[in-house]
C-alpha cells in the first residue's frame, strides 16, 4: 500500500526496481542481471526506496488514515446490512459517518 500511495515520490529507477522485486517477484540477482547492476546495488535501491516510502507515511499518514476509514466503512456496512436497524444501531451508524471525511 505504501507504494500505491507514495510511489510517485520515488525515482523512475526505484519504481522500476520495486515493481520487479515486489510485484513480479524477481530475485535481487534476476533484477541485477536484467538491469546491468550488481545484486548489492539492487538491494541498496530497494532499501532506499522502501525507506523513502516509510518516511513519507510517517509524515503524512495516508495509509494509516485509509486503513482506519476502511475499518469504519466495514462496520457501517455491517450495521446497514442487518435485517432490523434499531435506534442503537442507527446512532452508531451516524457516529461512524461523523468520523469519515466529508
PDB file of N, CA and C in Angstrom:
ATOM      1  N   UNK A   1       0.826  -1.197   0.000  1.00  0.00           N
ATOM      2  CA  UNK A   1       0.000   0.000   0.000  1.00  0.00           C
ATOM      3  C   UNK A   1       0.864   1.251   0.000  1.00  0.00           C
ATOM      4  N   UNK A   2       2.011   1.183   0.660  1.00  0.00           N
ATOM      5  CA  UNK A   2       2.896   2.354   0.660  1.00  0.00           C
ATOM      6  C   UNK A   2       3.245   2.759  -0.767  1.00  0.00           C
ATOM      7  N   UNK A   3       3.530   1.775  -1.600  1.00  0.00           N
ATOM      8  CA  UNK A   3       3.885   2.054  -2.986  1.00  0.00           C
ATOM      9  C   UNK A   3       2.708   2.702  -3.716  1.00  0.00           C
ATOM     10  N   UNK A   4       1.509   2.207  -3.467  1.00  0.00           N
ATOM     11  CA  UNK A   4       0.327   2.766  -4.124  1.00  0.00           C
ATOM     12  C   UNK A   4       0.116   4.230  -3.752  1.00  0.00           C
ATOM     13  N   UNK A   5       0.355   4.556  -2.509  1.00  0.00           N
ATOM     14  CA  UNK A   5       0.114   5.919  -2.046  1.00  0.00           C
ATOM     15  C   UNK A   5       1.274   6.865  -2.362  1.00  0.00           C
ATOM     16  N   UNK A   6       2.474   6.390  -2.250  1.00  0.00           N
ATOM     17  CA  UNK A   6       3.640   7.281  -2.328  1.00  0.00           C
ATOM     18  C   UNK A   6       4.616   6.947  -3.449  1.00  0.00           C
ATOM     19  N   UNK A   7       4.271   6.020  -4.314  1.00  0.00           N
ATOM     20  CA  UNK A   7       5.181   5.591  -5.371  1.00  0.00           C
ATOM     21  C   UNK A   7       5.691   6.726  -6.245  1.00  0.00           C
ATOM     22  N   UNK A   8       4.887   7.748  -6.435  1.00  0.00           N
ATOM     23  CA  UNK A   8       5.308   8.882  -7.275  1.00  0.00           C
ATOM     24  C   UNK A   8       6.438   9.693  -6.657  1.00  0.00           C
ATOM     25  N   UNK A   9       6.719   9.476  -5.393  1.00  0.00           N
ATOM     26  CA  UNK A   9       7.825  10.184  -4.751  1.00  0.00           C
ATOM     27  C   UNK A   9       9.175   9.549  -5.090  1.00  0.00           C
ATOM     28  N   UNK A  10       9.136   8.355  -5.645  1.00  0.00           N
ATOM     29  CA  UNK A  10      10.361   7.630  -5.980  1.00  0.00           C
ATOM     30  C   UNK A  10      10.866   8.029  -7.367  1.00  0.00           C
ATOM     31  N   UNK A  11      12.139   7.770  -7.588  1.00  0.00           N
ATOM     32  CA  UNK A  11      12.698   7.968  -8.924  1.00  0.00           C
ATOM     33  C   UNK A  11      12.156   6.878  -9.845  1.00  0.00           C
ATOM     34  N   UNK A  12      12.278   7.085 -11.140  1.00  0.00           N
ATOM     35  CA  UNK A  12      11.832   6.076 -12.098  1.00  0.00           C
ATOM     36  C   UNK A  12      12.539   4.746 -11.855  1.00  0.00           C
ATOM     37  N   UNK A  13      13.839   4.811 -11.586  1.00  0.00           N
ATOM     38  CA  UNK A  13      14.634   3.596 -11.354  1.00  0.00           C
ATOM     39  C   UNK A  13      14.151   2.862 -10.101  1.00  0.00           C
ATOM     40  N   UNK A  14      13.889   3.613  -9.024  1.00  0.00           N
ATOM     41  CA  UNK A  14      13.406   2.998  -7.790  1.00  0.00           C
ATOM     42  C   UNK A  14      12.047   2.333  -8.011  1.00  0.00           C
ATOM     43  N   UNK A  15      11.158   3.017  -8.736  1.00  0.00           N
ATOM     44  CA  UNK A  15       9.840   2.429  -9.024  1.00  0.00           C
ATOM     45  C   UNK A  15       9.987   1.144  -9.834  1.00  0.00           C
ATOM     46  N   UNK A  16      10.841   1.191 -10.833  1.00  0.00           N
ATOM     47  CA  UNK A  16      11.058   0.021 -11.680  1.00  0.00           C
ATOM     48  C   UNK A  16      11.572  -1.163 -10.862  1.00  0.00           C
ATOM     49  N   UNK A  17      12.567  -0.907 -10.025  1.00  0.00           N
ATOM     50  CA  UNK A  17      13.156  -1.974  -9.207  1.00  0.00           C
ATOM     51  C   UNK A  17      12.131  -2.538  -8.224  1.00  0.00           C
ATOM     52  N   UNK A  18      11.371  -1.675  -7.559  1.00  0.00           N
ATOM     53  CA  UNK A  18      10.366  -2.159  -6.605  1.00  0.00           C
ATOM     54  C   UNK A  18       9.286  -2.978  -7.299  1.00  0.00           C
ATOM     55  N   UNK A  19       8.879  -2.553  -8.474  1.00  0.00           N
ATOM     56  CA  UNK A  19       7.870  -3.312  -9.206  1.00  0.00           C
ATOM     57  C   UNK A  19       8.399  -4.696  -9.578  1.00  0.00           C
ATOM     58  N   UNK A  20       9.620  -4.758 -10.040  1.00  0.00           N
ATOM     59  CA  UNK A  20      10.202  -6.055 -10.385  1.00  0.00           C
ATOM     60  C   UNK A  20      10.337  -6.940  -9.156  1.00  0.00           C
ATOM     61  N   UNK A  21      10.742  -6.347  -8.044  1.00  0.00           N
ATOM     62  CA  UNK A  21      11.003  -7.113  -6.828  1.00  0.00           C
ATOM     63  C   UNK A  21       9.707  -7.568  -6.140  1.00  0.00           C
ATOM     64  N   UNK A  22       8.773  -6.636  -5.939  1.00  0.00           N
ATOM     65  CA  UNK A  22       7.567  -6.962  -5.179  1.00  0.00           C
ATOM     66  C   UNK A  22       6.409  -7.455  -6.045  1.00  0.00           C
ATOM     67  N   UNK A  23       6.188  -6.831  -7.192  1.00  0.00           N
ATOM     68  CA  UNK A  23       5.027  -7.203  -7.989  1.00  0.00           C
ATOM     69  C   UNK A  23       5.298  -8.377  -8.924  1.00  0.00           C
ATOM     70  N   UNK A  24       6.510  -8.449  -9.460  1.00  0.00           N
ATOM     71  CA  UNK A  24       6.847  -9.539 -10.373  1.00  0.00           C
ATOM     72  C   UNK A  24       7.640 -10.646  -9.678  1.00  0.00           C
ATOM     73  N   UNK A  25       7.940 -10.425  -8.410  1.00  0.00           N
ATOM     74  CA  UNK A  25       8.589 -11.427  -7.559  1.00  0.00           C
ATOM     75  C   UNK A  25       9.930 -11.928  -8.123  1.00  0.00           C
ATOM     76  N   UNK A  26      10.698 -11.004  -8.719  1.00  0.00           N
ATOM     77  CA  UNK A  26      12.031 -11.364  -9.206  1.00  0.00           C
ATOM     78  C   UNK A  26      13.028 -11.277  -8.053  1.00  0.00           C
ATOM     79  N   UNK A  27      14.041 -12.081  -8.101  1.00  0.00           N
ATOM     80  CA  UNK A  27      15.083 -12.039  -7.073  1.00  0.00           C
ATOM     81  C   UNK A  27      16.007 -10.852  -7.332  1.00  0.00           C
ATOM     82  N   UNK A  28      16.798 -10.523  -6.331  1.00  0.00           N
ATOM     83  CA  UNK A  28      17.778  -9.445  -6.489  1.00  0.00           C
ATOM     84  C   UNK A  28      18.737  -9.763  -7.629  1.00  0.00           C
ATOM     85  N   UNK A  29      19.153 -11.027  -7.718  1.00  0.00           N
ATOM     86  CA  UNK A  29      20.081 -11.443  -8.772  1.00  0.00           C
ATOM     87  C   UNK A  29      19.448 -11.305 -10.154  1.00  0.00           C
ATOM     88  N   UNK A  30      18.182 -11.681 -10.273  1.00  0.00           N
ATOM     89  CA  UNK A  30      17.498 -11.560 -11.563  1.00  0.00           C
ATOM     90  C   UNK A  30      17.367 -10.103 -11.986  1.00  0.00           C
ATOM     91  N   UNK A  31      17.019  -9.247 -11.034  1.00  0.00           N
ATOM     92  CA  UNK A  31      16.883  -7.816 -11.334  1.00  0.00           C
ATOM     93  C   UNK A  31      18.236  -7.239 -11.709  1.00  0.00           C
ATOM     94  N   UNK A  32      19.259  -7.638 -10.984  1.00  0.00           N
ATOM     95  CA  UNK A  32      20.614  -7.153 -11.263  1.00  0.00           C
ATOM     96  C   UNK A  32      21.040  -7.537 -12.668  1.00  0.00           C
ATOM     97  N   UNK A  33      20.802  -8.764 -13.057  1.00  0.00           N
ATOM     98  CA  UNK A  33      21.183  -9.240 -14.389  1.00  0.00           C
ATOM     99  C   UNK A  33      20.413  -8.485 -15.468  1.00  0.00           C
ATOM    100  N   UNK A  34      19.142  -8.260 -15.215  1.00  0.00           N
ATOM    101  CA  UNK A  34      18.301  -7.559 -16.183  1.00  0.00           C
ATOM    102  C   UNK A  34      18.675  -6.086 -16.291  1.00  0.00           C
ATOM    103  N   UNK A  35      19.034  -5.486 -15.158  1.00  0.00           N
ATOM    104  CA  UNK A  35      19.333  -4.052 -15.137  1.00  0.00           C
ATOM    105  C   UNK A  35      20.794  -3.708 -15.350  1.00  0.00           C
ATOM    106  N   UNK A  36      21.647  -4.706 -15.400  1.00  0.00           N
ATOM    107  CA  UNK A  36      23.063  -4.449 -15.603  1.00  0.00           C
ATOM    108  C   UNK A  36      23.750  -3.789 -14.416  1.00  0.00           C
ATOM    109  N   UNK A  37      23.238  -4.080 -13.217  1.00  0.00           N
ATOM    110  CA  UNK A  37      23.880  -3.568 -11.997  1.00  0.00           C
ATOM    111  C   UNK A  37      24.144  -4.745 -11.062  1.00  0.00           C
ATOM    112  N   UNK A  38      24.856  -4.481  -9.991  1.00  0.00           N
ATOM    113  CA  UNK A  38      25.179  -5.562  -9.061  1.00  0.00           C
ATOM    114  C   UNK A  38      23.975  -5.912  -8.189  1.00  0.00           C
ATOM    115  N   UNK A  39      24.029  -7.116  -7.642  1.00  0.00           N
ATOM    116  CA  UNK A  39      22.987  -7.553  -6.714  1.00  0.00           C
ATOM    117  C   UNK A  39      22.928  -6.609  -5.514  1.00  0.00           C
ATOM    118  N   UNK A  40      24.105  -6.207  -5.022  1.00  0.00           N
ATOM    119  CA  UNK A  40      24.163  -5.274  -3.887  1.00  0.00           C
ATOM    120  C   UNK A  40      23.539  -3.926  -4.265  1.00  0.00           C
ATOM    121  N   UNK A  41      23.754  -3.505  -5.507  1.00  0.00           N
ATOM    122  CA  UNK A  41      23.155  -2.254  -5.974  1.00  0.00           C
ATOM    123  C   UNK A  41      21.640  -2.320  -5.972  1.00  0.00           C
ATOM    124  N   UNK A  42      21.111  -3.455  -6.384  1.00  0.00           N
ATOM    125  CA  UNK A  42      19.657  -3.641  -6.365  1.00  0.00           C
ATOM    126  C   UNK A  42      19.162  -3.628  -4.921  1.00  0.00           C
ATOM    127  N   UNK A  43      19.865  -4.341  -4.061  1.00  0.00           N
ATOM    128  CA  UNK A  43      19.495  -4.391  -2.643  1.00  0.00           C
ATOM    129  C   UNK A  43      19.462  -2.988  -2.048  1.00  0.00           C
ATOM    130  N   UNK A  44      20.481  -2.198  -2.330  1.00  0.00           N
ATOM    131  CA  UNK A  44      20.540  -0.829  -1.810  1.00  0.00           C
ATOM    132  C   UNK A  44      19.397   0.023  -2.350  1.00  0.00           C
ATOM    133  N   UNK A  45      19.083  -0.134  -3.632  1.00  0.00           N
ATOM    134  CA  UNK A  45      17.971   0.620  -4.227  1.00  0.00           C
ATOM    135  C   UNK A  45      16.644   0.256  -3.573  1.00  0.00           C
ATOM    136  N   UNK A  46      16.434  -1.022  -3.334  1.00  0.00           N
ATOM    137  CA  UNK A  46      15.194  -1.472  -2.697  1.00  0.00           C
ATOM    138  C   UNK A  46      15.098  -0.889  -1.287  1.00  0.00           C
ATOM    139  N   UNK A  47      16.172  -1.014  -0.515  1.00  0.00           N
ATOM    140  CA  UNK A  47      16.156  -0.490   0.861  1.00  0.00           C
ATOM    141  C   UNK A  47      15.911   1.019   0.886  1.00  0.00           C
ATOM    142  N   UNK A  48      16.585   1.748   0.007  1.00  0.00           N
ATOM    143  CA  UNK A  48      16.446   3.199  -0.044  1.00  0.00           C
ATOM    144  C   UNK A  48      15.021   3.596  -0.448  1.00  0.00           C
ATOM    145  N   UNK A  49      14.466   2.895  -1.417  1.00  0.00           N
ATOM    146  CA  UNK A  49      13.110   3.201  -1.874  1.00  0.00           C
ATOM    147  C   UNK A  49      12.087   2.908  -0.775  1.00  0.00           C
ATOM    148  N   UNK A  50      12.224   1.774  -0.105  1.00  0.00           N
ATOM    149  CA  UNK A  50      11.300   1.426   0.976  1.00  0.00           C
ATOM    150  C   UNK A  50      11.416   2.437   2.116  1.00  0.00           C
ATOM    151  N   UNK A  51      12.624   2.850   2.419  1.00  0.00           N
ATOM    152  CA  UNK A  51      12.819   3.856   3.464  1.00  0.00           C
ATOM    153  C   UNK A  51      12.135   5.173   3.079  1.00  0.00           C
ATOM    154  N   UNK A  52      12.218   5.554   1.828  1.00  0.00           N
ATOM    155  CA  UNK A  52      11.549   6.767   1.348  1.00  0.00           C
ATOM    156  C   UNK A  52      10.042   6.657   1.521  1.00  0.00           C
ATOM    157  N   UNK A  53       9.484   5.501   1.182  1.00  0.00           N
ATOM    158  CA  UNK A  53       8.043   5.283   1.335  1.00  0.00           C
ATOM    159  C   UNK A  53       7.633   5.324   2.802  1.00  0.00           C
ATOM    160  N   UNK A  54       8.428   4.693   3.658  1.00  0.00           N
ATOM    161  CA  UNK A  54       8.111   4.678   5.093  1.00  0.00           C
ATOM    162  C   UNK A  54       8.190   6.076   5.695  1.00  0.00           C
ATOM    163  N   UNK A  55       9.167   6.861   5.291  1.00  0.00           N
ATOM    164  CA  UNK A  55       9.283   8.231   5.801  1.00  0.00           C
ATOM    165  C   UNK A  55       8.105   9.078   5.352  1.00  0.00           C
ATOM    166  N   UNK A  56       7.662   8.879   4.129  1.00  0.00           N
ATOM    167  CA  UNK A  56       6.502   9.611   3.635  1.00  0.00           C
ATOM    168  C   UNK A  56       5.266   9.261   4.460  1.00  0.00           C
ATOM    169  N   UNK A  57       5.114   7.975   4.797  1.00  0.00           N
ATOM    170  CA  UNK A  57       3.973   7.563   5.607  1.00  0.00           C
ATOM    171  C   UNK A  57       4.073   8.143   7.016  1.00  0.00           C
ATOM    172  N   UNK A  58       5.272   8.184   7.579  1.00  0.00           N
ATOM    173  CA  UNK A  58       5.444   8.785   8.908  1.00  0.00           C
ATOM    174  C   UNK A  58       5.003  10.238   8.904  1.00  0.00           C
ATOM    175  N   UNK A  59       5.312  10.956   7.844  1.00  0.00           N
ATOM    176  CA  UNK A  59       4.978  12.375   7.768  1.00  0.00           C
ATOM    177  C   UNK A  59       3.511  12.618   7.439  1.00  0.00           C
ATOM    178  N   UNK A  60       2.961  11.828   6.503  1.00  0.00           N
ATOM    179  CA  UNK A  60       1.613  12.116   6.018  1.00  0.00           C
ATOM    180  C   UNK A  60       0.536  11.195   6.557  1.00  0.00           C
ATOM    181  N   UNK A  61       0.876   9.974   6.858  1.00  0.00           N
ATOM    182  CA  UNK A  61      -0.083   9.048   7.450  1.00  0.00           C
ATOM    183  C   UNK A  61      -1.266   8.669   6.569  1.00  0.00           C
ATOM    184  N   UNK A  62      -1.116   8.732   5.258  1.00  0.00           N
ATOM    185  CA  UNK A  62      -2.235   8.447   4.369  1.00  0.00           C
ATOM    186  C   UNK A  62      -2.673   6.986   4.416  1.00  0.00           C
ATOM    187  N   UNK A  63      -1.732   6.071   4.505  1.00  0.00           N
ATOM    188  CA  UNK A  63      -2.075   4.650   4.542  1.00  0.00           C
ATOM    189  C   UNK A  63      -2.811   4.330   5.835  1.00  0.00           C
ATOM    190  N   UNK A  64      -2.329   4.843   6.935  1.00  0.00           N
ATOM    191  CA  UNK A  64      -2.988   4.609   8.223  1.00  0.00           C
ATOM    192  C   UNK A  64      -4.398   5.194   8.222  1.00  0.00           C
ATOM    193  N   UNK A  65      -4.537   6.394   7.685  1.00  0.00           N
ATOM    194  CA  UNK A  65      -5.848   7.041   7.620  1.00  0.00           C
ATOM    195  C   UNK A  65      -6.796   6.228   6.732  1.00  0.00           C
ATOM    196  N   UNK A  66      -6.284   5.771   5.597  1.00  0.00           N
ATOM    197  CA  UNK A  66      -7.085   4.963   4.684  1.00  0.00           C
ATOM    198  C   UNK A  66      -7.549   3.673   5.362  1.00  0.00           C
ATOM    199  N   UNK A  67      -6.646   3.002   6.060  1.00  0.00           N
ATOM    200  CA  UNK A  67      -6.988   1.756   6.744  1.00  0.00           C
ATOM    201  C   UNK A  67      -8.062   2.002   7.808  1.00  0.00           C
ATOM    202  N   UNK A  68      -7.961   3.107   8.516  1.00  0.00           N
ATOM    203  CA  UNK A  68      -8.960   3.454   9.522  1.00  0.00           C
ATOM    204  C   UNK A  68     -10.321   3.705   8.898  1.00  0.00           C
ATOM    205  N   UNK A  69     -10.342   4.376   7.776  1.00  0.00           N
ATOM    206  CA  UNK A  69     -11.599   4.646   7.087  1.00  0.00           C
ATOM    207  C   UNK A  69     -12.215   3.351   6.556  1.00  0.00           C
ATOM    208  N   UNK A  70     -11.361   2.456   6.055  1.00  0.00           N
ATOM    209  CA  UNK A  70     -11.854   1.163   5.582  1.00  0.00           C
ATOM    210  C   UNK A  70     -12.518   0.393   6.727  1.00  0.00           C
ATOM    211  N   UNK A  71     -11.919   0.452   7.898  1.00  0.00           N
ATOM    212  CA  UNK A  71     -12.475  -0.242   9.068  1.00  0.00           C
ATOM    213  C   UNK A  71     -13.840   0.357   9.432  1.00  0.00           C
ATOM    214  N   UNK A  72     -13.934   1.679   9.435  1.00  0.00           N
ATOM    215  CA  UNK A  72     -15.215   2.327   9.734  1.00  0.00           C
ATOM    216  C   UNK A  72     -16.276   1.946   8.697  1.00  0.00           C
ATOM    217  N   UNK A  73     -15.898   1.924   7.441  1.00  0.00           N
ATOM    218  CA  UNK A  73     -16.849   1.587   6.386  1.00  0.00           C
ATOM    219  C   UNK A  73     -17.322   0.134   6.479  1.00  0.00           C
ATOM    220  N   UNK A  74     -16.407  -0.778   6.850  1.00  0.00           N
ATOM    221  CA  UNK A  74     -16.811  -2.176   7.035  1.00  0.00           C
ATOM    222  C   UNK A  74     -17.855  -2.300   8.151  1.00  0.00           C
ATOM    223  N   UNK A  75     -17.594  -1.590   9.249  1.00  0.00           N
ATOM    224  CA  UNK A  75     -18.545  -1.627  10.370  1.00  0.00           C
ATOM    225  C   UNK A  75     -19.875  -1.004   9.957  1.00  0.00           C
ATOM    226  N   UNK A  76     -19.822   0.085   9.238  1.00  0.00           N
ATOM    227  CA  UNK A  76     -21.041   0.740   8.769  1.00  0.00           C
ATOM    228  C   UNK A  76     -21.829  -0.195   7.847  1.00  0.00           C
ATOM    229  N   UNK A  77     -21.138  -0.915   6.983  1.00  0.00           N
ATOM    230  CA  UNK A  77     -21.792  -1.878   6.094  1.00  0.00           C
ATOM    231  C   UNK A  77     -22.460  -2.989   6.911  1.00  0.00           C
ATOM    232  N   UNK A  78     -21.782  -3.457   7.969  1.00  0.00           N
ATOM    233  CA  UNK A  78     -22.370  -4.484   8.836  1.00  0.00           C
ATOM    234  C   UNK A  78     -23.674  -3.986   9.451  1.00  0.00           C
ATOM    235  N   UNK A  79     -23.642  -2.783   9.965  1.00  0.00           N
ATOM    236  CA  UNK A  79     -24.820  -2.212  10.618  1.00  0.00           C
ATOM    237  C   UNK A  79     -25.970  -2.093   9.619  1.00  0.00           C
ATOM    238  N   UNK A  80     -25.667  -1.537   8.449  1.00  0.00           N
ATOM    239  CA  UNK A  80     -26.725  -1.290   7.476  1.00  0.00           C
ATOM    240  C   UNK A  80     -27.209  -2.563   6.785  1.00  0.00           C
ATOM    241  N   UNK A  81     -26.445  -3.639   6.880  1.00  0.00           N
ATOM    242  CA  UNK A  81     -26.847  -4.906   6.270  1.00  0.00           C
ATOM    243  C   UNK A  81     -27.773  -5.714   7.173  1.00  0.00           C
ATOM    244  N   UNK A  82     -27.912  -5.293   8.401  1.00  0.00           N
ATOM    245  CA  UNK A  82     -28.771  -6.013   9.345  1.00  0.00           C
ATOM    246  C   UNK A  82     -30.225  -5.955   8.877  1.00  0.00           C
ATOM    247  N   UNK A  83     -30.962  -6.989   9.198  1.00  0.00           N
ATOM    248  CA  UNK A  83     -32.374  -7.037   8.815  1.00  0.00           C
ATOM    249  C   UNK A  83     -33.181  -5.943   9.500  1.00  0.00           C
ATOM    250  N   UNK A  84     -32.807  -5.640  10.735  1.00  0.00           N
ATOM    251  CA  UNK A  84     -33.512  -4.614  11.506  1.00  0.00           C
ATOM    252  C   UNK A  84     -32.502  -3.587  11.979  1.00  0.00           C
ATOM    253  N   UNK A  85     -32.851  -2.335  11.807  1.00  0.00           N
ATOM    254  CA  UNK A  85     -31.970  -1.249  12.247  1.00  0.00           C
ATOM    255  C   UNK A  85     -32.634  -0.565  13.436  1.00  0.00           C
ATOM    256  N   UNK A  86     -32.212  -0.978  14.645  1.00  0.00           N
ATOM    257  CA  UNK A  86     -32.790  -0.376  15.839  1.00  0.00           C
ATOM    258  C   UNK A  86     -32.144   0.981  16.103  1.00  0.00           C
ATOM    259  N   UNK A  87     -32.624   1.653  17.107  1.00  0.00           N
ATOM    260  CA  UNK A  87     -32.157   3.015  17.409  1.00  0.00           C
ATOM    261  C   UNK A  87     -30.670   3.037  17.779  1.00  0.00           C
ATOM    262  N   UNK A  88     -30.219   2.064  18.517  1.00  0.00           N
ATOM    263  CA  UNK A  88     -28.810   1.995  18.913  1.00  0.00           C
ATOM    264  C   UNK A  88     -27.923   1.850  17.672  1.00  0.00           C
ATOM    265  N   UNK A  89     -28.304   0.965  16.765  1.00  0.00           N
ATOM    266  CA  UNK A  89     -27.538   0.761  15.538  1.00  0.00           C
ATOM    267  C   UNK A  89     -27.571   2.010  14.665  1.00  0.00           C
ATOM    268  N   UNK A  90     -28.722   2.665  14.600  1.00  0.00           N
ATOM    269  CA  UNK A  90     -28.839   3.895  13.816  1.00  0.00           C
ATOM    270  C   UNK A  90     -27.908   4.973  14.362  1.00  0.00           C
ATOM    271  N   UNK A  91     -27.864   5.112  15.664  1.00  0.00           N
ATOM    272  CA  UNK A  91     -26.986   6.101  16.287  1.00  0.00           C
ATOM    273  C   UNK A  91     -25.510   5.758  16.065  1.00  0.00           C
ATOM    274  N   UNK A  92     -25.174   4.480  16.137  1.00  0.00           N
ATOM    275  CA  UNK A  92     -23.794   4.067  15.867  1.00  0.00           C
ATOM    276  C   UNK A  92     -23.418   4.377  14.421  1.00  0.00           C
ATOM    277  N   UNK A  93     -24.329   4.110  13.501  1.00  0.00           N
ATOM    278  CA  UNK A  93     -24.066   4.398  12.090  1.00  0.00           C
ATOM    279  C   UNK A  93     -23.846   5.887  11.870  1.00  0.00           C
ATOM    280  N   UNK A  94     -24.640   6.709  12.492  1.00  0.00           N
ATOM    281  CA  UNK A  94     -24.473   8.162  12.369  1.00  0.00           C
ATOM    282  C   UNK A  94     -23.152   8.613  12.970  1.00  0.00           C
ATOM    283  N   UNK A  95     -22.777   7.998  14.079  1.00  0.00           N
ATOM    284  CA  UNK A  95     -21.500   8.322  14.713  1.00  0.00           C
ATOM    285  C   UNK A  95     -20.330   7.960  13.799  1.00  0.00           C
ATOM    286  N   UNK A  96     -20.434   6.791  13.165  1.00  0.00           N
ATOM    287  CA  UNK A  96     -19.388   6.376  12.231  1.00  0.00           C
ATOM    288  C   UNK A  96     -19.288   7.326  11.039  1.00  0.00           C
ATOM    289  N   UNK A  97     -20.426   7.760  10.549  1.00  0.00           N
ATOM    290  CA  UNK A  97     -20.423   8.705   9.431  1.00  0.00           C
ATOM    291  C   UNK A  97     -19.737  10.017   9.806  1.00  0.00           C
ATOM    292  N   UNK A  98     -19.933  10.452  11.040  1.00  0.00           N
ATOM    293  CA  UNK A  98     -19.295  11.695  11.501  1.00  0.00           C
ATOM    294  C   UNK A  98     -17.772  11.576  11.535  1.00  0.00           C
ATOM    295  N   UNK A  99     -17.265  10.369  11.681  1.00  0.00           N
ATOM    296  CA  UNK A  99     -15.806  10.162  11.747  1.00  0.00           C
ATOM    297  C   UNK A  99     -15.154  10.143  10.369  1.00  0.00           C
ATOM    298  N   UNK A 100     -15.969   9.988   9.336  1.00  0.00           N
ATOM    299  CA  UNK A 100     -15.431   9.957   7.967  1.00  0.00           C
ATOM    300  C   UNK A 100     -15.277  11.374   7.428  1.00  0.00           C
ATOM    301  N   UNK A 101     -14.300  11.597   6.564  1.00  0.00           N
ATOM    302  CA  UNK A 101     -14.126  12.944   5.990  1.00  0.00           C
ATOM    303  C   UNK A 101     -15.290  13.268   5.038  1.00  0.00           C
ATOM    304  N   UNK A 102     -15.548  14.520   4.907  1.00  0.00           N
ATOM    305  CA  UNK A 102     -16.634  14.932   4.019  1.00  0.00           C
ATOM    306  C   UNK A 102     -16.215  14.915   2.584  1.00  0.00           C
TER     307      UNK A 102
END
